[in-house]
Protein backbone atom coordinates (compact mmCIF):
# COMPACT_ATOMS: atom_id res chain seq x y z
CA LEU A 1 11.97 -31.28 30.94
CA LEU A 2 9.99 -27.77 29.59
CA VAL A 3 11.13 -24.68 31.12
CA SER A 4 9.52 -21.40 29.91
CA SER A 5 10.56 -18.12 31.36
CA MET A 6 9.49 -14.34 30.00
CA VAL A 7 11.36 -11.65 28.64
CA GLY A 8 10.15 -9.25 28.18
CA LYS A 9 7.64 -9.43 25.58
CA ASP A 10 9.21 -12.44 24.52
CA ARG A 11 8.48 -16.04 26.15
CA ILE A 12 12.28 -18.24 26.02
CA ILE A 13 11.41 -22.29 25.74
CA PHE A 14 13.79 -24.60 26.66
CA ALA A 15 13.78 -27.87 25.55
CA THR A 16 15.13 -31.38 25.93
CA LYS A 17 16.36 -34.00 23.38
CA GLU A 18 13.76 -35.77 24.28
CA ASP A 19 10.69 -32.94 23.55
CA HIS A 20 11.79 -32.85 20.19
CA GLU A 21 11.61 -36.88 19.82
CA THR A 22 8.24 -37.46 20.66
CA PRO A 23 5.44 -35.83 17.83
CA SER A 24 3.90 -32.32 18.19
CA SER A 25 0.61 -32.29 19.61
CA ALA A 26 0.05 -28.46 18.60
CA GLU A 27 -3.28 -27.84 16.03
CA LEU A 28 -3.49 -25.59 13.82
CA VAL A 29 -6.25 -23.19 13.77
CA ALA A 30 -8.12 -21.97 10.77
CA ASP A 31 -7.35 -17.89 10.09
CA ASP A 32 -9.58 -15.28 11.43
CA PRO A 33 -11.21 -14.00 8.00
CA ASP A 34 -11.87 -10.76 9.60
CA ASP A 35 -8.83 -10.28 12.03
CA PRO A 36 -8.16 -6.81 10.33
CA TYR A 37 -4.66 -7.48 11.62
CA GLU A 38 -3.69 -10.59 9.54
CA GLU A 39 -2.34 -10.41 6.23
CA GLN A 40 -5.51 -10.59 4.19
CA GLY A 41 -4.19 -8.31 1.48
CA LEU A 42 -5.13 -4.63 0.55
CA ILE A 43 -9.42 -5.49 0.81
CA LEU A 44 -10.58 -7.89 3.59
CA PRO A 45 -12.96 -10.39 2.66
CA ASN A 46 -15.90 -8.07 3.69
CA GLY A 47 -15.05 -5.36 1.25
CA ASP A 48 -13.39 -3.00 3.66
CA ILE A 49 -10.14 -1.69 2.73
CA ASN A 50 -7.34 -3.48 4.99
CA TRP A 51 -5.05 -0.56 6.43
CA ASN A 52 -2.11 -2.66 7.99
CA CYS A 53 -1.97 -4.29 5.06
CA PRO A 54 2.16 -3.86 4.46
CA CYS A 55 1.13 -3.27 0.75
CA LEU A 56 0.75 0.07 1.65
CA GLY A 57 4.16 0.73 3.21
CA GLY A 58 2.88 2.43 5.66
CA MET A 59 0.98 5.34 4.09
CA ALA A 60 -2.11 5.29 6.32
CA SER A 61 0.14 5.88 9.04
CA GLY A 62 2.11 8.72 8.60
CA PRO A 63 1.91 12.53 8.81
CA CYS A 64 -0.49 12.23 5.71
CA GLY A 65 -2.21 9.29 6.79
CA GLU A 66 -5.59 10.75 7.09
CA GLN A 67 -5.54 12.58 3.86
CA PHE A 68 -4.32 9.21 2.23
CA LYS A 69 -6.78 7.07 4.02
CA SER A 70 -9.62 9.71 2.67
CA ALA A 71 -8.10 9.96 -0.73
CA PHE A 72 -7.98 5.83 -1.07
CA SER A 73 -11.51 5.14 0.19
CA CYS A 74 -13.11 7.56 -2.16
CA PHE A 75 -11.51 5.96 -4.81
CA HIS A 76 -11.91 2.19 -4.05
CA TYR A 77 -15.80 2.83 -2.56
CA SER A 78 -16.21 5.49 -5.86
CA SER A 79 -18.54 4.50 -8.32
CA GLU A 80 -18.46 6.95 -11.21
CA GLU A 81 -18.00 5.86 -14.53
CA ILE A 82 -14.30 7.16 -14.80
CA LYS A 83 -13.63 5.50 -11.22
CA GLY A 84 -12.53 8.03 -8.65
CA SER A 85 -12.94 11.07 -10.44
CA ASP A 86 -15.38 12.05 -8.09
CA CYS A 87 -12.15 12.38 -5.66
CA VAL A 88 -10.08 15.26 -6.94
CA ASP A 89 -10.53 17.41 -4.03
CA GLN A 90 -9.31 14.51 -1.65
CA PHE A 91 -6.33 13.29 -3.73
CA ARG A 92 -5.24 16.96 -3.80
CA ALA A 93 -4.94 17.12 -0.24
CA MET A 94 -2.85 13.95 0.42
CA GLN A 95 -0.73 15.81 -2.56
CA GLU A 96 -0.43 19.16 -0.76
CA CYS A 97 -0.01 17.15 2.49
CA MET A 98 2.99 15.33 0.90
CA GLN A 99 4.65 18.30 -0.45
CA LYS A 100 5.13 19.41 3.30
CA TYR A 101 7.23 16.48 4.08
CA PRO A 102 9.78 15.76 0.86
CA ASP A 103 11.45 13.59 2.98
CA LEU A 104 9.21 10.96 3.66
CA TYR A 105 7.04 11.36 0.17
CA PRO A 106 10.25 12.81 -2.54
CA GLN A 107 8.28 14.29 -5.18
CA GLU A 108 9.61 13.72 -8.63
CA ASP A 109 12.79 16.35 -9.56
CA GLU A 110 13.24 18.66 -11.80
CA ASN A 111 15.34 16.58 -14.18
CA ASP A 112 13.30 13.93 -13.67
CA GLU A 113 9.90 16.63 -14.70
CA LYS A 114 12.14 17.55 -17.63
CA SER A 115 12.29 14.51 -19.31
CA SER A 116 9.58 13.53 -18.66
CA LYS A 117 7.87 16.72 -20.41
CA ASP A 118 10.44 16.15 -23.15
CA LEU A 119 9.39 12.69 -23.87
CA GLU A 120 5.77 13.95 -23.75
CA ALA A 121 6.08 16.67 -26.57
CA ALA A 122 8.67 13.46 -28.77
CA SER A 123 5.42 11.46 -28.27
CA MET A 124 3.11 14.18 -29.29
CA GLU A 125 5.37 15.36 -32.61
CA ALA A 126 5.88 11.79 -33.42
CA SER A 127 1.57 11.20 -33.13
CA ALA A 128 0.96 14.81 -35.63
CA ALA A 129 3.22 13.87 -37.61
CA LYS A 130 1.85 10.17 -38.67
CA GLU A 131 -1.34 11.87 -38.80
CA GLU A 132 0.01 14.45 -41.54
CA GLU A 133 1.25 11.11 -43.00
CA GLY A 134 -1.98 9.50 -43.02
CA SER A 135 -4.02 12.32 -44.52
CA SER A 136 -1.53 12.85 -48.10
């Protein structure tokens, strides 16, 4: 005896012990490769961007979603020798939007920024020292 009922959006099915003893007649159906809601990864088989990919972490649907989509699309379809070098304006617009929502899009804080600048300066000094050693 199978009893099913709808509760909200969920369907509840009760099965008896006998239902579990008989082999299942369910058939597996191949996924539709063009279904944009399936987890296909970032790029769909047709080459389009899968904006529903969990790998984007919701960036495409947040308050800066349109700016993100514009910048990411530009980068994805860029055919410049330095990929994305033609997308500076779109990335700038995305960055400006994200700065308006610091709680949603955390920026590097001053301490992190200072450490990375110090690291960069130390790296440049080491390179300069190495060049001086090589030239003597």
